[in-house]
Amino acid sequence: MTEEKLNQAKKNFKILCSALEDQDWTYQKDEDNLRINCGARGDDLPMDIIVEIDAERQLSVLLSHLPFVVAEDKRVNVAVAISVINYQLVDGSFDFDINDGHLFFRMTSSFIESDLDKEVFAYMLMCSCVTIDMYNDKLFMIAKGMLSVEDFIKDETK
């Protein structure tokens, strides 16, 4: 990695931290790895959020691991539901590891030859939280057999 890329990443990390402070978010920062950890509480399930500045790829990467693991017998149903959700999303996506049942929400923003401003980071956080909160309980219910994937699809495609 070039020194220029690293400097660009560090600059964007400072902007990220400043954006969080402007929004009065509580967070832990790891300056060595250009990563912050924070969380939010929606209508139902808690949201753990990591934002990492990837110096090599010149990306800001937001990841949120959903607080449950999908049992093997429900993974196909959850995968189908995620496909329906992702088709509708403008920004971000749900990522699902069908092998181990772990589910994440991910949003990225590139800063190649540029700086992201505070508003971009605020948007990433707010859009992610709203999207996660909109779907985490439904995905949980499908994963636990409390909601059929067919009923979910009918409700989502009205």
N, C-alpha and C. Protein backbone atom coordinates (compact mmCIF):
# COMPACT_ATOMS: atom_id res chain seq x y z
N MET A 1 0.84 -1.17 0.00
CA MET A 1 0.00 0.00 0.00
C MET A 1 0.89 1.24 0.00
N THR A 2 0.49 2.23 -0.75
CA THR A 2 1.29 3.45 -0.84
C THR A 2 1.02 4.34 0.37
N GLU A 3 1.96 5.20 0.62
CA GLU A 3 1.80 6.17 1.72
C GLU A 3 0.64 7.13 1.42
N GLU A 4 0.46 7.44 0.14
CA GLU A 4 -0.64 8.32 -0.25
C GLU A 4 -1.99 7.71 0.10
N LYS A 5 -2.16 6.41 -0.17
CA LYS A 5 -3.40 5.72 0.18
C LYS A 5 -3.63 5.72 1.69
N LEU A 6 -2.56 5.46 2.43
CA LEU A 6 -2.69 5.42 3.89
C LEU A 6 -3.07 6.80 4.43
N ASN A 7 -2.44 7.84 3.91
CA ASN A 7 -2.77 9.20 4.36
C ASN A 7 -4.21 9.56 4.02
N GLN A 8 -4.66 9.17 2.85
CA GLN A 8 -6.05 9.42 2.45
C GLN A 8 -7.01 8.68 3.39
N ALA A 9 -6.67 7.46 3.74
CA ALA A 9 -7.50 6.67 4.64
C ALA A 9 -7.54 7.31 6.03
N LYS A 10 -6.41 7.73 6.54
CA LYS A 10 -6.37 8.37 7.86
C LYS A 10 -7.19 9.65 7.88
N LYS A 11 -7.14 10.40 6.81
CA LYS A 11 -7.91 11.63 6.71
C LYS A 11 -9.41 11.31 6.76
N ASN A 12 -9.83 10.29 6.02
CA ASN A 12 -11.24 9.90 6.03
C ASN A 12 -11.66 9.32 7.37
N PHE A 13 -10.76 8.66 8.07
CA PHE A 13 -11.07 8.15 9.40
C PHE A 13 -11.35 9.32 10.36
N LYS A 14 -10.57 10.36 10.27
CA LYS A 14 -10.80 11.54 11.12
C LYS A 14 -12.15 12.18 10.81
N ILE A 15 -12.51 12.21 9.54
CA ILE A 15 -13.81 12.76 9.15
C ILE A 15 -14.93 11.89 9.72
N LEU A 16 -14.77 10.57 9.65
CA LEU A 16 -15.75 9.65 10.23
C LEU A 16 -15.93 9.93 11.71
N CYS A 17 -14.85 10.02 12.45
CA CYS A 17 -14.93 10.26 13.89
C CYS A 17 -15.60 11.60 14.19
N SER A 18 -15.27 12.60 13.41
CA SER A 18 -15.87 13.92 13.58
C SER A 18 -17.38 13.86 13.31
N ALA A 19 -17.77 13.11 12.29
CA ALA A 19 -19.19 12.96 11.98
C ALA A 19 -19.94 12.29 13.13
N LEU A 20 -19.34 11.27 13.72
CA LEU A 20 -19.96 10.58 14.85
C LEU A 20 -20.10 11.53 16.04
N GLU A 21 -19.06 12.30 16.29
CA GLU A 21 -19.11 13.25 17.40
C GLU A 21 -20.17 14.32 17.16
N ASP A 22 -20.29 14.80 15.94
CA ASP A 22 -21.33 15.79 15.60
C ASP A 22 -22.73 15.23 15.84
N GLN A 23 -22.91 13.93 15.65
CA GLN A 23 -24.22 13.28 15.84
C GLN A 23 -24.41 12.76 17.26
N ASP A 24 -23.43 13.03 18.15
CA ASP A 24 -23.46 12.58 19.55
C ASP A 24 -23.54 11.07 19.69
N TRP A 25 -22.87 10.35 18.77
CA TRP A 25 -22.81 8.90 18.86
C TRP A 25 -21.71 8.51 19.85
N THR A 26 -21.97 7.50 20.63
CA THR A 26 -20.95 6.91 21.49
C THR A 26 -20.28 5.81 20.67
N TYR A 27 -18.95 5.82 20.66
CA TYR A 27 -18.24 4.83 19.85
C TYR A 27 -16.85 4.59 20.44
N GLN A 28 -16.27 3.47 20.06
CA GLN A 28 -14.89 3.15 20.42
C GLN A 28 -14.08 3.18 19.13
N LYS A 29 -12.95 3.82 19.19
CA LYS A 29 -12.15 3.87 17.97
C LYS A 29 -10.84 3.12 18.14
N ASP A 30 -10.43 2.54 17.05
CA ASP A 30 -9.18 1.81 16.95
C ASP A 30 -8.39 2.49 15.83
N GLU A 31 -7.57 3.45 16.22
CA GLU A 31 -6.85 4.26 15.22
C GLU A 31 -5.84 3.43 14.44
N ASP A 32 -5.26 2.42 15.07
CA ASP A 32 -4.27 1.59 14.38
C ASP A 32 -4.90 0.84 13.20
N ASN A 33 -6.14 0.40 13.37
CA ASN A 33 -6.82 -0.36 12.32
C ASN A 33 -7.85 0.47 11.58
N LEU A 34 -7.92 1.77 11.88
CA LEU A 34 -8.87 2.69 11.24
C LEU A 34 -10.28 2.13 11.30
N ARG A 35 -10.70 1.79 12.52
CA ARG A 35 -11.99 1.13 12.73
C ARG A 35 -12.69 1.73 13.94
N ILE A 36 -14.01 1.87 13.83
CA ILE A 36 -14.81 2.26 14.99
C ILE A 36 -15.86 1.18 15.23
N ASN A 37 -16.24 1.04 16.49
CA ASN A 37 -17.33 0.16 16.90
C ASN A 37 -18.37 1.04 17.58
N CYS A 38 -19.60 0.83 17.21
CA CYS A 38 -20.68 1.55 17.88
C CYS A 38 -21.93 0.69 17.79
N GLY A 39 -23.00 1.20 18.29
CA GLY A 39 -24.24 0.45 18.24
C GLY A 39 -25.44 1.36 18.26
N ALA A 40 -26.58 0.77 18.02
CA ALA A 40 -27.84 1.50 18.04
C ALA A 40 -28.93 0.54 18.48
N ARG A 41 -29.99 1.11 18.94
CA ARG A 41 -31.15 0.30 19.34
C ARG A 41 -32.33 0.72 18.50
N GLY A 42 -32.89 -0.22 17.78
CA GLY A 42 -34.06 0.07 16.96
C GLY A 42 -35.33 -0.26 17.72
N ASP A 43 -36.34 -0.62 16.98
CA ASP A 43 -37.63 -0.96 17.59
C ASP A 43 -37.60 -2.31 18.29
N ASP A 44 -36.64 -3.16 17.95
CA ASP A 44 -36.66 -4.50 18.51
C ASP A 44 -35.26 -5.01 18.86
N LEU A 45 -34.47 -5.39 17.89
CA LEU A 45 -33.16 -6.00 18.15
C LEU A 45 -32.04 -4.95 18.17
N PRO A 46 -31.03 -5.17 19.01
CA PRO A 46 -29.89 -4.23 19.02
C PRO A 46 -29.06 -4.37 17.74
N MET A 47 -28.38 -3.28 17.40
CA MET A 47 -27.54 -3.26 16.20
C MET A 47 -26.11 -2.92 16.60
N ASP A 48 -25.20 -3.85 16.40
CA ASP A 48 -23.77 -3.60 16.57
C ASP A 48 -23.23 -3.20 15.22
N ILE A 49 -22.47 -2.11 15.20
CA ILE A 49 -21.99 -1.56 13.93
C ILE A 49 -20.48 -1.37 13.99
N ILE A 50 -19.81 -1.78 12.94
CA ILE A 50 -18.38 -1.53 12.76
C ILE A 50 -18.24 -0.73 11.47
N VAL A 51 -17.46 0.33 11.53
CA VAL A 51 -17.10 1.05 10.30
C VAL A 51 -15.59 1.02 10.22
N GLU A 52 -15.10 0.50 9.11
CA GLU A 52 -13.66 0.38 8.90
C GLU A 52 -13.28 1.15 7.65
N ILE A 53 -12.19 1.86 7.74
CA ILE A 53 -11.63 2.54 6.58
C ILE A 53 -10.58 1.62 6.00
N ASP A 54 -10.86 1.11 4.83
CA ASP A 54 -9.97 0.17 4.15
C ASP A 54 -9.00 0.97 3.28
N ALA A 55 -7.79 1.13 3.77
CA ALA A 55 -6.80 1.97 3.08
C ALA A 55 -6.42 1.40 1.72
N GLU A 56 -6.26 0.10 1.63
CA GLU A 56 -5.83 -0.50 0.37
C GLU A 56 -6.87 -0.33 -0.73
N ARG A 57 -8.12 -0.60 -0.41
CA ARG A 57 -9.17 -0.50 -1.42
C ARG A 57 -9.81 0.89 -1.48
N GLN A 58 -9.40 1.77 -0.54
CA GLN A 58 -9.94 3.13 -0.49
C GLN A 58 -11.45 3.11 -0.35
N LEU A 59 -11.91 2.37 0.66
CA LEU A 59 -13.33 2.21 0.93
C LEU A 59 -13.65 2.45 2.40
N SER A 60 -14.80 3.00 2.63
CA SER A 60 -15.39 2.99 3.96
C SER A 60 -16.36 1.82 3.96
N VAL A 61 -16.21 0.91 4.92
CA VAL A 61 -17.03 -0.29 4.97
C VAL A 61 -17.77 -0.35 6.29
N LEU A 62 -19.10 -0.31 6.23
CA LEU A 62 -19.93 -0.45 7.41
C LEU A 62 -20.45 -1.88 7.44
N LEU A 63 -20.28 -2.55 8.57
CA LEU A 63 -20.78 -3.92 8.76
C LEU A 63 -21.56 -4.00 10.05
N SER A 64 -22.67 -4.69 10.00
CA SER A 64 -23.45 -4.96 11.20
C SER A 64 -23.83 -6.42 11.20
N HIS A 65 -23.33 -7.14 12.20
CA HIS A 65 -23.64 -8.56 12.36
C HIS A 65 -24.97 -8.66 13.09
N LEU A 66 -25.96 -9.30 12.48
CA LEU A 66 -27.24 -9.46 13.15
C LEU A 66 -27.08 -10.43 14.33
N PRO A 67 -27.80 -10.16 15.43
CA PRO A 67 -27.53 -10.87 16.70
C PRO A 67 -28.17 -12.25 16.81
N PHE A 68 -28.17 -13.01 15.75
CA PHE A 68 -28.65 -14.38 15.79
C PHE A 68 -28.00 -15.16 14.66
N VAL A 69 -27.98 -16.47 14.83
CA VAL A 69 -27.45 -17.37 13.81
C VAL A 69 -28.62 -18.21 13.30
N VAL A 70 -28.70 -18.35 12.00
CA VAL A 70 -29.80 -19.08 11.38
C VAL A 70 -29.50 -20.58 11.41
N ALA A 71 -30.44 -21.33 11.94
CA ALA A 71 -30.29 -22.79 11.99
C ALA A 71 -30.28 -23.35 10.56
N GLU A 72 -29.61 -24.47 10.42
CA GLU A 72 -29.40 -25.05 9.10
C GLU A 72 -30.70 -25.30 8.34
N ASP A 73 -31.73 -25.73 9.04
CA ASP A 73 -33.00 -26.05 8.36
C ASP A 73 -33.78 -24.81 7.92
N LYS A 74 -33.36 -23.61 8.32
CA LYS A 74 -34.04 -22.37 7.94
C LYS A 74 -33.21 -21.51 6.98
N ARG A 75 -32.04 -21.96 6.62
CA ARG A 75 -31.12 -21.14 5.83
C ARG A 75 -31.61 -20.85 4.42
N VAL A 76 -32.21 -21.79 3.78
CA VAL A 76 -32.71 -21.54 2.42
C VAL A 76 -33.82 -20.48 2.47
N ASN A 77 -34.72 -20.59 3.46
CA ASN A 77 -35.79 -19.60 3.59
C ASN A 77 -35.23 -18.20 3.83
N VAL A 78 -34.24 -18.10 4.69
CA VAL A 78 -33.62 -16.79 4.97
C VAL A 78 -32.90 -16.28 3.72
N ALA A 79 -32.23 -17.16 3.00
CA ALA A 79 -31.54 -16.74 1.77
C ALA A 79 -32.53 -16.19 0.75
N VAL A 80 -33.67 -16.82 0.63
CA VAL A 80 -34.70 -16.34 -0.30
C VAL A 80 -35.21 -14.97 0.16
N ALA A 81 -35.48 -14.83 1.45
CA ALA A 81 -35.94 -13.54 1.98
C ALA A 81 -34.91 -12.44 1.74
N ILE A 82 -33.65 -12.75 1.92
CA ILE A 82 -32.58 -11.76 1.70
C ILE A 82 -32.53 -11.36 0.23
N SER A 83 -32.76 -12.30 -0.65
CA SER A 83 -32.79 -11.98 -2.08
C SER A 83 -33.91 -10.99 -2.38
N VAL A 84 -35.07 -11.20 -1.78
CA VAL A 84 -36.21 -10.29 -1.96
C VAL A 84 -35.87 -8.91 -1.40
N ILE A 85 -35.28 -8.88 -0.23
CA ILE A 85 -34.91 -7.60 0.40
C ILE A 85 -33.88 -6.86 -0.44
N ASN A 86 -32.80 -7.54 -0.78
CA ASN A 86 -31.70 -6.87 -1.51
C ASN A 86 -32.15 -6.33 -2.85
N TYR A 87 -33.10 -6.98 -3.49
CA TYR A 87 -33.62 -6.51 -4.77
C TYR A 87 -34.25 -5.12 -4.63
N GLN A 88 -34.80 -4.85 -3.45
CA GLN A 88 -35.51 -3.59 -3.21
C GLN A 88 -34.60 -2.47 -2.68
N LEU A 89 -33.45 -2.81 -2.15
CA LEU A 89 -32.60 -1.80 -1.50
C LEU A 89 -31.88 -0.93 -2.51
N VAL A 90 -31.78 0.35 -2.18
CA VAL A 90 -31.04 1.29 -3.01
C VAL A 90 -29.57 1.30 -2.59
N ASP A 91 -29.32 1.30 -1.30
CA ASP A 91 -27.96 1.31 -0.76
C ASP A 91 -27.80 0.21 0.27
N GLY A 92 -26.65 -0.44 0.24
CA GLY A 92 -26.36 -1.49 1.20
C GLY A 92 -26.97 -2.81 0.77
N SER A 93 -26.60 -3.85 1.52
CA SER A 93 -27.14 -5.18 1.23
C SER A 93 -26.97 -6.06 2.45
N PHE A 94 -27.81 -7.08 2.51
CA PHE A 94 -27.64 -8.11 3.52
C PHE A 94 -26.78 -9.20 2.91
N ASP A 95 -25.80 -9.65 3.68
CA ASP A 95 -24.91 -10.73 3.27
C ASP A 95 -25.17 -11.92 4.19
N PHE A 96 -25.30 -13.09 3.60
CA PHE A 96 -25.63 -14.27 4.38
C PHE A 96 -24.68 -15.39 4.03
N ASP A 97 -24.07 -15.96 5.06
CA ASP A 97 -23.21 -17.12 4.86
C ASP A 97 -24.07 -18.36 5.08
N ILE A 98 -24.48 -18.95 4.00
CA ILE A 98 -25.38 -20.11 4.08
C ILE A 98 -24.69 -21.31 4.73
N ASN A 99 -23.36 -21.31 4.79
CA ASN A 99 -22.63 -22.42 5.41
C ASN A 99 -22.70 -22.41 6.92
N ASP A 100 -22.66 -21.20 7.54
CA ASP A 100 -22.66 -21.16 9.00
C ASP A 100 -23.84 -20.39 9.60
N GLY A 101 -24.69 -19.78 8.77
CA GLY A 101 -25.89 -19.11 9.26
C GLY A 101 -25.70 -17.69 9.77
N HIS A 102 -24.52 -17.12 9.57
CA HIS A 102 -24.28 -15.74 10.02
C HIS A 102 -24.79 -14.75 8.98
N LEU A 103 -25.35 -13.66 9.48
CA LEU A 103 -26.03 -12.68 8.65
C LEU A 103 -25.51 -11.29 8.98
N PHE A 104 -25.18 -10.52 7.95
CA PHE A 104 -24.62 -9.18 8.11
C PHE A 104 -25.37 -8.19 7.22
N PHE A 105 -25.34 -6.93 7.62
CA PHE A 105 -25.71 -5.85 6.72
C PHE A 105 -24.41 -5.13 6.37
N ARG A 106 -24.25 -4.76 5.10
CA ARG A 106 -23.02 -4.10 4.65
C ARG A 106 -23.36 -2.91 3.75
N MET A 107 -22.63 -1.83 3.98
CA MET A 107 -22.72 -0.67 3.10
C MET A 107 -21.30 -0.13 2.92
N THR A 108 -20.97 0.25 1.71
CA THR A 108 -19.63 0.78 1.43
C THR A 108 -19.74 2.11 0.70
N SER A 109 -18.65 2.86 0.79
CA SER A 109 -18.53 4.09 0.02
C SER A 109 -17.06 4.29 -0.32
N SER A 110 -16.80 4.54 -1.58
CA SER A 110 -15.42 4.71 -2.05
C SER A 110 -14.95 6.13 -1.82
N PHE A 111 -13.65 6.26 -1.49
CA PHE A 111 -13.04 7.59 -1.40
C PHE A 111 -11.78 7.67 -2.26
N ILE A 112 -11.78 6.95 -3.37
CA ILE A 112 -10.64 6.99 -4.28
C ILE A 112 -10.45 8.43 -4.77
N GLU A 113 -9.26 8.93 -4.54
CA GLU A 113 -8.87 10.28 -4.94
C GLU A 113 -9.85 11.34 -4.45
N SER A 114 -10.43 11.13 -3.26
CA SER A 114 -11.37 12.10 -2.72
C SER A 114 -11.48 11.94 -1.20
N ASP A 115 -12.25 12.80 -0.61
CA ASP A 115 -12.58 12.70 0.80
C ASP A 115 -14.09 12.56 0.91
N LEU A 116 -14.52 11.68 1.80
CA LEU A 116 -15.94 11.61 2.12
C LEU A 116 -16.22 12.72 3.13
N ASP A 117 -17.38 13.34 3.03
CA ASP A 117 -17.68 14.38 4.02
C ASP A 117 -18.52 13.79 5.14
N LYS A 118 -18.73 14.58 6.17
CA LYS A 118 -19.47 14.12 7.34
C LYS A 118 -20.87 13.64 6.98
N GLU A 119 -21.46 14.30 6.01
CA GLU A 119 -22.82 13.94 5.62
C GLU A 119 -22.89 12.53 5.02
N VAL A 120 -21.84 12.13 4.31
CA VAL A 120 -21.80 10.77 3.76
C VAL A 120 -21.78 9.75 4.89
N PHE A 121 -20.94 10.00 5.90
CA PHE A 121 -20.88 9.06 7.02
C PHE A 121 -22.18 9.06 7.82
N ALA A 122 -22.78 10.23 8.01
CA ALA A 122 -24.06 10.30 8.72
C ALA A 122 -25.13 9.53 7.94
N TYR A 123 -25.12 9.69 6.62
CA TYR A 123 -26.06 8.97 5.77
C TYR A 123 -25.84 7.46 5.88
N MET A 124 -24.59 7.02 5.81
CA MET A 124 -24.30 5.59 5.91
C MET A 124 -24.86 5.02 7.20
N LEU A 125 -24.63 5.72 8.31
CA LEU A 125 -25.09 5.23 9.60
C LEU A 125 -26.62 5.22 9.69
N MET A 126 -27.23 6.34 9.32
CA MET A 126 -28.69 6.43 9.44
C MET A 126 -29.40 5.48 8.48
N CYS A 127 -28.97 5.45 7.24
CA CYS A 127 -29.59 4.56 6.25
C CYS A 127 -29.43 3.10 6.68
N SER A 128 -28.26 2.75 7.15
CA SER A 128 -28.02 1.38 7.61
C SER A 128 -28.91 1.02 8.79
N CYS A 129 -28.98 1.91 9.76
CA CYS A 129 -29.79 1.63 10.95
C CYS A 129 -31.27 1.47 10.59
N VAL A 130 -31.77 2.35 9.74
CA VAL A 130 -33.17 2.25 9.33
C VAL A 130 -33.41 0.94 8.58
N THR A 131 -32.52 0.60 7.68
CA THR A 131 -32.68 -0.63 6.89
C THR A 131 -32.59 -1.87 7.77
N ILE A 132 -31.60 -1.90 8.63
CA ILE A 132 -31.44 -3.06 9.53
C ILE A 132 -32.67 -3.19 10.41
N ASP A 133 -33.11 -2.08 10.99
CA ASP A 133 -34.26 -2.11 11.88
C ASP A 133 -35.53 -2.55 11.15
N MET A 134 -35.64 -2.20 9.89
CA MET A 134 -36.82 -2.55 9.09
C MET A 134 -36.91 -4.06 8.87
N TYR A 135 -35.76 -4.73 8.78
CA TYR A 135 -35.76 -6.14 8.39
C TYR A 135 -35.24 -7.12 9.43
N ASN A 136 -34.51 -6.67 10.45
CA ASN A 136 -33.90 -7.65 11.36
C ASN A 136 -34.93 -8.51 12.08
N ASP A 137 -36.05 -7.92 12.48
CA ASP A 137 -37.05 -8.72 13.18
C ASP A 137 -37.73 -9.71 12.23
N LYS A 138 -37.95 -9.31 10.99
CA LYS A 138 -38.57 -10.22 10.02
C LYS A 138 -37.64 -11.39 9.70
N LEU A 139 -36.36 -11.09 9.53
CA LEU A 139 -35.40 -12.16 9.28
C LEU A 139 -35.28 -13.09 10.48
N PHE A 140 -35.32 -12.50 11.67
CA PHE A 140 -35.29 -13.31 12.90
C PHE A 140 -36.50 -14.24 12.95
N MET A 141 -37.67 -13.69 12.63
CA MET A 141 -38.90 -14.50 12.67
C MET A 141 -38.87 -15.63 11.64
N ILE A 142 -38.32 -15.36 10.46
CA ILE A 142 -38.18 -16.43 9.45
C ILE A 142 -37.19 -17.48 9.95
N ALA A 143 -36.09 -17.01 10.55
CA ALA A 143 -35.06 -17.92 11.05
C ALA A 143 -35.58 -18.80 12.18
N LYS A 144 -36.54 -18.31 12.94
CA LYS A 144 -37.09 -19.08 14.07
C LYS A 144 -38.38 -19.82 13.71
N GLY A 145 -38.81 -19.73 12.44
CA GLY A 145 -40.01 -20.42 12.02
C GLY A 145 -41.30 -19.74 12.45
N MET A 146 -41.23 -18.49 12.86
CA MET A 146 -42.41 -17.74 13.31
C MET A 146 -43.10 -17.02 12.16
N LEU A 147 -42.42 -16.92 11.02
CA LEU A 147 -42.95 -16.27 9.82
C LEU A 147 -42.50 -17.09 8.63
N SER A 148 -43.44 -17.44 7.78
CA SER A 148 -43.06 -18.21 6.60
C SER A 148 -42.45 -17.28 5.56
N VAL A 149 -41.56 -17.80 4.76
CA VAL A 149 -40.95 -16.99 3.71
C VAL A 149 -42.01 -16.60 2.69
N GLU A 150 -43.00 -17.44 2.49
CA GLU A 150 -44.09 -17.12 1.56
C GLU A 150 -44.89 -15.91 2.04
N ASP A 151 -45.22 -15.87 3.34
CA ASP A 151 -45.95 -14.72 3.88
C ASP A 151 -45.09 -13.46 3.83
N PHE A 152 -43.80 -13.61 4.10
CA PHE A 152 -42.89 -12.48 4.01
C PHE A 152 -42.88 -11.91 2.60
N ILE A 153 -42.77 -12.78 1.61
CA ILE A 153 -42.72 -12.33 0.22
C ILE A 153 -44.03 -11.64 -0.16
N LYS A 154 -45.16 -12.20 0.24
CA LYS A 154 -46.45 -11.56 -0.06
C LYS A 154 -46.50 -10.16 0.54
N ASP A 155 -46.04 -10.01 1.77
CA ASP A 155 -46.07 -8.71 2.43
C ASP A 155 -45.11 -7.71 1.78
N GLU A 156 -43.96 -8.19 1.37
CA GLU A 156 -42.94 -7.30 0.78
C GLU A 156 -43.25 -6.89 -0.65
N THR A 157 -44.00 -7.69 -1.35
CA THR A 157 -44.23 -7.41 -2.78
C THR A 157 -45.63 -6.86 -3.05
N LYS A 158 -46.28 -6.35 -2.03
CA LYS A 158 -47.60 -5.73 -2.20
C LYS A 158 -47.50 -4.49 -3.05
